[in-house]
Amino acid sequence: MSRNGIYRPFLIAVAVLLVFAVVFVAAGLIGWWQPAANEQAIGEASRWCERVADGVMREPINSLGNLGFIISGLVMLLVLARDTKQDRPKRNPFIGNQPIALLYAGATIYLGPGSMLMHASNTTFGAWADNLSMVMYILIPWVYNLAIMGRWRDRTFFLSYGLVVVSFAIGYWFFGSGLGINLDLFGVSIALWLISELLYRFWSRPLRWLSGFLGFVIAAVFGITPMEMLADPLEHWWVALFWLPAVAATSAPPSQRRYWPWFPAGVISFLLAYAVWTTGVPDHHWCDPDGLYQAHAVWHLLTAAATWFFFVFLRTQRPSKAAPAAISEE
């Protein structure tokens, strides 16, 4: 493969980002458009603490904090290009310019522009683009895990992923963040990722059906207790999705991953980011709308670091026996 071919994904990403930058600045100079009903007026503290400015970016620091995602994703593309250049064995879909690895890097990059659109414009469209970017990223690891343990073909993985993304995009646009059915897909996907990772590491038939209970622990970490769920089961119907990995993970994975240190690093980075995120609101005593330190921007940087840690973690996957290392092609 020619040098240009090896680096084509990286060059395409840079070109798309340059086009986005031009459109972004032009929209900002024009004044964006009508802000969302839940956003604050110019001069007031935004929902994420930073004072709303009258310029290209309504929340400049929170917007620029998203550069971390763009840098992380571009570096991933360079690493994948280097793999391809060195002709590294493709036993792992996250080694070299392979479709799933490119999807992961591309989704990481899009986290930046998606969130920028929300913080820079304070519009409904910006919120839609932001939430879509988060879902496009978080779906990849757990759907990938289910694909491995369910022995899916590549096209089944991409069809499943694409169907959920399109459904979310349409549902959020017309019905809002709960999709009209009180479903926080991003939050539930965090639980599904960790549940599927538990099964990937310790798969057994008994554990398949016990694994869903981990979802209650994860929900409690983020402030939703089992007592709340029991008090209003219809409102929390989505706990049934905690057993989706059990249904789909029909076989032990034919590969293994090295968890230390990258997986814990990613989890710790995300949890630390979440702790910082809770302080980046106007009624928190740490909030300084005019300060250079903005907690929400730090949340962006720490979660960008987590995307990198998880990328390196997924690259540790190796076959554990004479079987396909990832999604079945049989």
Protein backbone atom coordinates (compact mmCIF):
# COMPACT_ATOMS: atom_id res chain seq x y z
CA MET A 1 0.00 0.00 0.00
CA SER A 2 1.27 3.48 -0.86
CA ARG A 3 2.16 5.97 1.83
CA ASN A 4 -0.88 8.10 0.89
CA GLY A 5 -3.10 5.04 1.18
CA ILE A 6 -1.76 4.21 4.62
CA TYR A 7 -2.43 7.72 5.91
CA ARG A 8 -5.66 8.26 3.96
CA PRO A 9 -7.95 7.93 7.02
CA PHE A 10 -5.87 10.50 8.89
CA LEU A 11 -5.81 12.89 5.93
CA ILE A 12 -9.57 12.54 5.41
CA ALA A 13 -10.16 13.30 9.09
CA VAL A 14 -7.97 16.41 8.93
CA ALA A 15 -9.77 17.61 5.78
CA VAL A 16 -13.19 17.12 7.37
CA LEU A 17 -12.05 18.95 10.50
CA LEU A 18 -10.81 21.88 8.42
CA VAL A 19 -14.17 22.12 6.66
CA PHE A 20 -15.91 21.94 10.03
CA ALA A 21 -13.66 24.72 11.38
CA VAL A 22 -14.56 27.03 8.49
CA VAL A 23 -18.31 26.38 8.85
CA PHE A 24 -18.04 26.63 12.65
CA VAL A 25 -16.36 30.04 12.57
CA ALA A 26 -18.72 31.32 9.86
CA ALA A 27 -21.78 30.26 11.88
CA GLY A 28 -20.32 31.89 14.96
CA LEU A 29 -19.64 35.17 13.17
CA ILE A 30 -23.19 35.19 11.84
CA GLY A 31 -24.42 34.73 15.39
CA TRP A 32 -25.50 31.09 15.31
CA TRP A 33 -29.30 31.01 15.63
CA GLN A 34 -32.08 30.79 18.20
CA PRO A 35 -30.72 29.35 21.47
CA ALA A 36 -32.45 26.38 23.07
CA ALA A 37 -35.16 27.11 25.62
CA ASN A 38 -33.06 25.69 28.47
CA GLU A 39 -30.01 27.85 27.71
CA GLN A 40 -29.16 31.11 29.46
CA ALA A 41 -29.03 34.57 27.93
CA ILE A 42 -25.77 36.30 26.98
CA GLY A 43 -24.10 37.65 30.10
CA GLU A 44 -25.54 35.00 32.42
CA ALA A 45 -23.84 31.87 33.73
CA SER A 46 -24.52 28.93 31.43
CA ARG A 47 -25.85 25.55 32.53
CA TRP A 48 -22.19 24.51 32.75
CA CYS A 49 -21.05 27.52 34.82
CA GLU A 50 -19.10 29.49 32.21
CA ARG A 51 -20.59 32.91 31.45
CA VAL A 52 -22.35 33.06 28.08
CA ALA A 53 -20.43 35.32 25.71
CA ASP A 54 -21.52 37.19 22.60
CA GLY A 55 -19.04 35.90 20.05
CA VAL A 56 -18.05 32.94 17.93
CA MET A 57 -18.32 30.67 20.99
CA ARG A 58 -20.98 31.16 23.64
CA GLU A 59 -18.84 29.17 26.11
CA PRO A 60 -15.26 29.58 24.87
CA ILE A 61 -13.34 27.54 27.45
CA ASN A 62 -15.87 24.71 27.58
CA SER A 63 -15.86 24.63 23.78
CA LEU A 64 -12.07 24.55 23.43
CA GLY A 65 -11.78 21.79 26.03
CA ASN A 66 -13.15 19.49 23.31
CA LEU A 67 -9.89 19.75 21.37
CA GLY A 68 -8.76 16.88 23.59
CA PHE A 69 -11.07 14.48 21.76
CA ILE A 70 -9.85 15.65 18.36
CA ILE A 71 -6.21 15.23 19.35
CA SER A 72 -6.87 11.80 20.88
CA GLY A 73 -8.68 10.54 17.78
CA LEU A 74 -6.11 11.90 15.34
CA VAL A 75 -3.28 10.26 17.27
CA MET A 76 -5.23 6.99 17.14
CA LEU A 77 -5.37 7.28 13.35
CA LEU A 78 -1.63 7.87 13.22
CA VAL A 79 -1.01 4.82 15.40
CA LEU A 80 -3.24 2.69 13.16
CA ALA A 81 -1.44 4.01 10.08
CA ARG A 82 1.89 3.10 11.66
CA ASP A 83 0.60 -0.42 12.30
CA THR A 84 -0.33 -0.74 8.64
CA LYS A 85 3.00 0.68 7.51
CA GLN A 86 4.86 -1.83 9.67
CA ASP A 87 2.58 -4.62 8.41
CA ARG A 88 1.73 -5.70 11.95
CA PRO A 89 -0.32 -8.93 12.21
CA LYS A 90 -4.03 -8.16 12.12
CA ARG A 91 -5.10 -10.63 14.79
CA ASN A 92 -6.89 -7.77 16.54
CA PRO A 93 -9.43 -5.46 14.84
CA PHE A 94 -7.80 -2.54 16.69
CA ILE A 95 -4.43 -3.08 15.00
CA GLY A 96 -3.96 -1.25 11.70
CA ASN A 97 -6.44 0.51 9.43
CA GLN A 98 -9.25 -1.96 10.07
CA PRO A 99 -12.91 -0.91 10.01
CA ILE A 100 -13.74 -1.19 13.72
CA ALA A 101 -10.56 0.59 14.78
CA LEU A 102 -11.25 3.39 12.30
CA LEU A 103 -14.83 3.63 13.57
CA TYR A 104 -13.58 3.97 17.15
CA ALA A 105 -11.05 6.68 16.21
CA GLY A 106 -13.63 8.50 14.09
CA ALA A 107 -16.21 8.44 16.88
CA THR A 108 -13.59 9.78 19.29
CA ILE A 109 -12.82 12.65 16.95
CA TYR A 110 -16.53 13.45 16.50
CA LEU A 111 -16.92 13.82 20.27
CA GLY A 112 -15.00 17.09 19.83
CA PRO A 113 -17.07 18.84 17.13
CA GLY A 114 -20.30 17.40 18.55
CA SER A 115 -19.74 18.89 21.99
CA MET A 116 -18.29 22.08 20.53
CA LEU A 117 -21.52 22.70 18.66
CA MET A 118 -23.48 22.57 21.90
CA HIS A 119 -21.20 24.78 23.99
CA ALA A 120 -20.45 27.22 21.18
CA SER A 121 -24.00 27.67 19.93
CA ASN A 122 -26.25 26.82 22.92
CA THR A 123 -28.81 25.61 20.36
CA THR A 124 -31.10 22.60 20.18
CA PHE A 125 -29.15 21.37 17.16
CA GLY A 126 -25.93 21.65 19.15
CA ALA A 127 -27.39 19.58 21.99
CA TRP A 128 -28.51 16.96 19.45
CA ALA A 129 -25.05 16.80 17.86
CA ASP A 130 -23.42 16.53 21.29
CA ASN A 131 -25.62 13.70 22.52
CA LEU A 132 -25.33 11.89 19.20
CA SER A 133 -21.54 12.01 19.44
CA MET A 134 -21.57 10.52 22.95
CA VAL A 135 -23.85 7.68 21.90
CA MET A 136 -21.84 7.00 18.74
CA TYR A 137 -18.76 6.52 20.90
CA ILE A 138 -20.17 4.57 23.86
CA LEU A 139 -21.99 2.04 21.68
CA ILE A 140 -18.80 0.75 20.09
CA PRO A 141 -17.15 -1.13 22.98
CA TRP A 142 -20.20 -2.97 24.27
CA VAL A 143 -21.66 -3.84 20.87
CA TYR A 144 -18.16 -5.02 19.90
CA ASN A 145 -18.02 -7.23 23.01
CA LEU A 146 -21.41 -8.73 22.20
CA ALA A 147 -20.29 -9.30 18.63
CA ILE A 148 -17.28 -11.28 19.82
CA MET A 149 -19.19 -13.42 22.32
CA GLY A 150 -22.15 -13.82 19.98
CA ARG A 151 -19.92 -14.81 17.04
CA TRP A 152 -21.40 -12.12 14.82
CA ARG A 153 -20.16 -11.38 11.35
CA ASP A 154 -18.65 -7.96 10.67
CA ARG A 155 -21.73 -6.81 8.80
CA THR A 156 -23.95 -7.79 11.74
CA PHE A 157 -21.88 -5.60 14.03
CA PHE A 158 -22.02 -2.59 11.72
CA LEU A 159 -25.70 -3.09 10.93
CA SER A 160 -26.57 -3.30 14.64
CA TYR A 161 -24.43 -0.29 15.48
CA GLY A 162 -25.81 1.79 12.62
CA LEU A 163 -29.42 0.89 13.40
CA VAL A 164 -29.08 2.00 17.03
CA VAL A 165 -27.28 5.23 16.05
CA VAL A 166 -29.90 6.18 13.45
CA SER A 167 -32.75 5.30 15.82
CA PHE A 168 -31.20 7.43 18.56
CA ALA A 169 -30.58 10.36 16.19
CA ILE A 170 -34.20 10.37 15.04
CA GLY A 171 -35.62 9.69 18.50
CA TYR A 172 -33.60 12.43 20.17
CA TRP A 173 -34.47 15.00 17.50
CA PHE A 174 -38.21 14.42 17.78
CA PHE A 175 -38.64 13.33 21.39
CA GLY A 176 -35.65 14.68 23.31
CA SER A 177 -32.98 13.05 25.45
CA GLY A 178 -35.26 10.33 26.82
CA LEU A 179 -36.35 9.33 23.29
CA GLY A 180 -39.95 9.51 24.45
CA ILE A 181 -39.53 6.29 26.47
CA ASN A 182 -37.43 7.56 29.39
CA LEU A 183 -34.25 5.92 28.11
CA ASP A 184 -30.86 7.51 28.77
CA LEU A 185 -29.02 5.47 26.16
CA PHE A 186 -25.62 6.92 27.03
CA GLY A 187 -25.99 6.13 30.73
CA VAL A 188 -27.36 2.63 30.13
CA SER A 189 -24.53 2.00 27.66
CA ILE A 190 -21.95 2.64 30.36
CA ALA A 191 -23.53 -0.19 32.37
CA LEU A 192 -23.77 -2.44 29.30
CA TRP A 193 -20.09 -1.89 28.55
CA LEU A 194 -18.97 -2.89 32.05
CA ILE A 195 -21.38 -5.83 32.19
CA SER A 196 -20.19 -7.08 28.81
CA GLU A 197 -16.58 -6.58 29.90
CA LEU A 198 -17.24 -8.68 33.00
CA LEU A 199 -18.57 -11.46 30.79
CA TYR A 200 -15.67 -11.10 28.38
CA ARG A 201 -13.20 -11.57 31.22
CA PHE A 202 -15.01 -14.22 33.28
CA TRP A 203 -17.53 -15.80 30.93
CA SER A 204 -19.46 -18.79 32.28
CA ARG A 205 -23.03 -19.98 31.92
CA PRO A 206 -24.01 -19.11 35.51
CA LEU A 207 -22.35 -15.70 35.29
CA ARG A 208 -24.25 -14.87 32.10
CA TRP A 209 -27.51 -14.64 34.02
CA LEU A 210 -26.01 -13.07 37.13
CA SER A 211 -24.09 -10.39 35.22
CA GLY A 212 -27.07 -8.07 34.89
CA PHE A 213 -27.03 -7.37 38.61
CA LEU A 214 -23.78 -5.44 38.10
CA GLY A 215 -25.92 -2.82 36.39
CA PHE A 216 -27.57 -1.95 39.71
CA VAL A 217 -24.16 -1.30 41.27
CA ILE A 218 -23.14 0.93 38.37
CA ALA A 219 -26.43 2.83 38.52
CA ALA A 220 -25.91 3.39 42.25
CA VAL A 221 -22.47 4.89 41.58
CA PHE A 222 -24.20 7.48 39.40
CA GLY A 223 -26.88 8.22 41.97
CA ILE A 224 -29.77 5.87 41.08
CA THR A 225 -30.33 3.41 43.91
CA PRO A 226 -32.15 0.05 43.75
CA MET A 227 -34.75 1.44 46.18
CA GLU A 228 -35.60 4.20 43.70
CA MET A 229 -35.95 1.62 40.96
CA LEU A 230 -38.23 -0.57 43.07
CA ALA A 231 -40.33 2.44 44.06
CA ASP A 232 -41.09 3.27 40.42
CA PRO A 233 -40.42 0.23 38.19
CA LEU A 234 -42.23 1.67 35.17
CA GLU A 235 -40.00 4.75 35.24
CA HIS A 236 -36.91 2.54 35.46
CA TRP A 237 -38.00 -0.13 32.97
CA TRP A 238 -34.60 0.08 31.28
CA VAL A 239 -32.98 -2.04 34.02
CA ALA A 240 -34.20 -5.00 31.95
CA LEU A 241 -31.52 -4.02 29.41
CA PHE A 242 -28.87 -4.99 31.96
CA TRP A 243 -29.49 -8.59 30.82
CA LEU A 244 -28.96 -7.82 27.13
CA PRO A 245 -25.31 -8.98 27.31
CA ALA A 246 -26.45 -12.24 28.93
CA VAL A 247 -28.81 -12.90 26.02
CA ALA A 248 -26.28 -11.99 23.31
CA ALA A 249 -23.08 -13.42 24.85
CA THR A 250 -23.77 -17.02 23.92
CA SER A 251 -20.13 -18.16 23.89
CA ALA A 252 -16.90 -17.51 25.74
CA PRO A 253 -14.66 -15.08 23.83
CA PRO A 254 -11.95 -16.77 21.76
CA SER A 255 -9.51 -14.07 22.83
CA GLN A 256 -8.17 -12.41 25.93
CA ARG A 257 -7.16 -8.90 26.94
CA ARG A 258 -4.56 -7.47 29.28
CA TYR A 259 -6.51 -5.28 31.68
CA TRP A 260 -3.70 -3.69 33.65
CA PRO A 261 -2.96 -0.80 33.48
CA TRP A 262 -5.04 0.63 30.63
CA PHE A 263 -8.56 -0.47 31.51
CA PRO A 264 -8.36 0.74 35.14
CA ALA A 265 -6.73 3.95 33.90
CA GLY A 266 -9.68 4.55 31.59
CA VAL A 267 -12.24 3.83 34.31
CA ILE A 268 -10.47 6.02 36.87
CA SER A 269 -10.09 8.83 34.35
CA PHE A 270 -13.81 8.70 33.55
CA LEU A 271 -14.90 8.55 37.19
CA LEU A 272 -12.62 11.45 38.05
CA ALA A 273 -14.06 13.34 35.08
CA TYR A 274 -17.57 12.63 36.33
CA ALA A 275 -16.68 13.90 39.80
CA VAL A 276 -15.35 17.11 38.23
CA TRP A 277 -18.45 17.33 36.01
CA THR A 278 -20.71 17.53 39.06
CA THR A 279 -18.91 20.70 40.19
CA GLY A 280 -19.30 22.52 36.86
CA VAL A 281 -22.77 23.91 37.50
CA PRO A 282 -23.83 27.43 38.52
CA ASP A 283 -25.05 26.52 42.01
CA HIS A 284 -21.81 24.78 43.01
CA HIS A 285 -19.55 26.85 45.27
CA TRP A 286 -16.54 26.12 43.03
CA CYS A 287 -18.24 27.72 40.03
CA ASP A 288 -16.57 30.90 38.79
CA PRO A 289 -18.30 31.94 35.54
CA ASP A 290 -15.47 34.30 34.60
CA GLY A 291 -12.51 32.13 35.63
CA LEU A 292 -10.08 30.42 33.29
CA TYR A 293 -10.71 27.16 35.13
CA GLN A 294 -13.97 25.63 34.00
CA ALA A 295 -14.84 22.22 35.42
CA HIS A 296 -16.78 21.20 32.33
CA ALA A 297 -13.74 21.79 30.14
CA VAL A 298 -11.72 19.57 32.50
CA TRP A 299 -14.44 16.93 32.16
CA HIS A 300 -13.85 17.02 28.41
CA LEU A 301 -10.09 16.66 28.76
CA LEU A 302 -10.28 13.79 31.26
CA THR A 303 -12.83 11.87 29.20
CA ALA A 304 -10.66 12.42 26.12
CA ALA A 305 -7.81 10.81 28.06
CA ALA A 306 -10.15 7.90 28.89
CA THR A 307 -10.87 7.33 25.19
CA TRP A 308 -7.14 6.93 24.63
CA PHE A 309 -6.65 4.56 27.57
CA PHE A 310 -9.50 2.36 26.35
CA PHE A 311 -8.08 2.39 22.82
CA VAL A 312 -4.75 1.08 24.07
CA PHE A 313 -6.58 -1.48 26.21
CA LEU A 314 -8.56 -2.83 23.25
CA ARG A 315 -5.30 -3.17 21.32
CA THR A 316 -4.05 -5.73 23.88
CA GLN A 317 -6.57 -8.33 22.68
CA ARG A 318 -4.97 -11.56 21.47
CA PRO A 319 -6.37 -14.96 20.43
CA SER A 320 -6.53 -17.41 23.30
CA LYS A 321 -6.94 -20.45 21.04
CA ALA A 322 -7.13 -21.39 17.38
CA ALA A 323 -10.20 -19.31 16.63
CA PRO A 324 -10.97 -15.84 15.24
CA ALA A 325 -9.68 -13.12 17.56
CA ALA A 326 -12.68 -10.89 17.10
CA ILE A 327 -15.89 -10.91 15.15
CA SER A 328 -16.56 -14.19 13.41
CA GLU A 329 -16.29 -14.32 9.66
CA GLU A 330 -17.69 -17.86 9.44
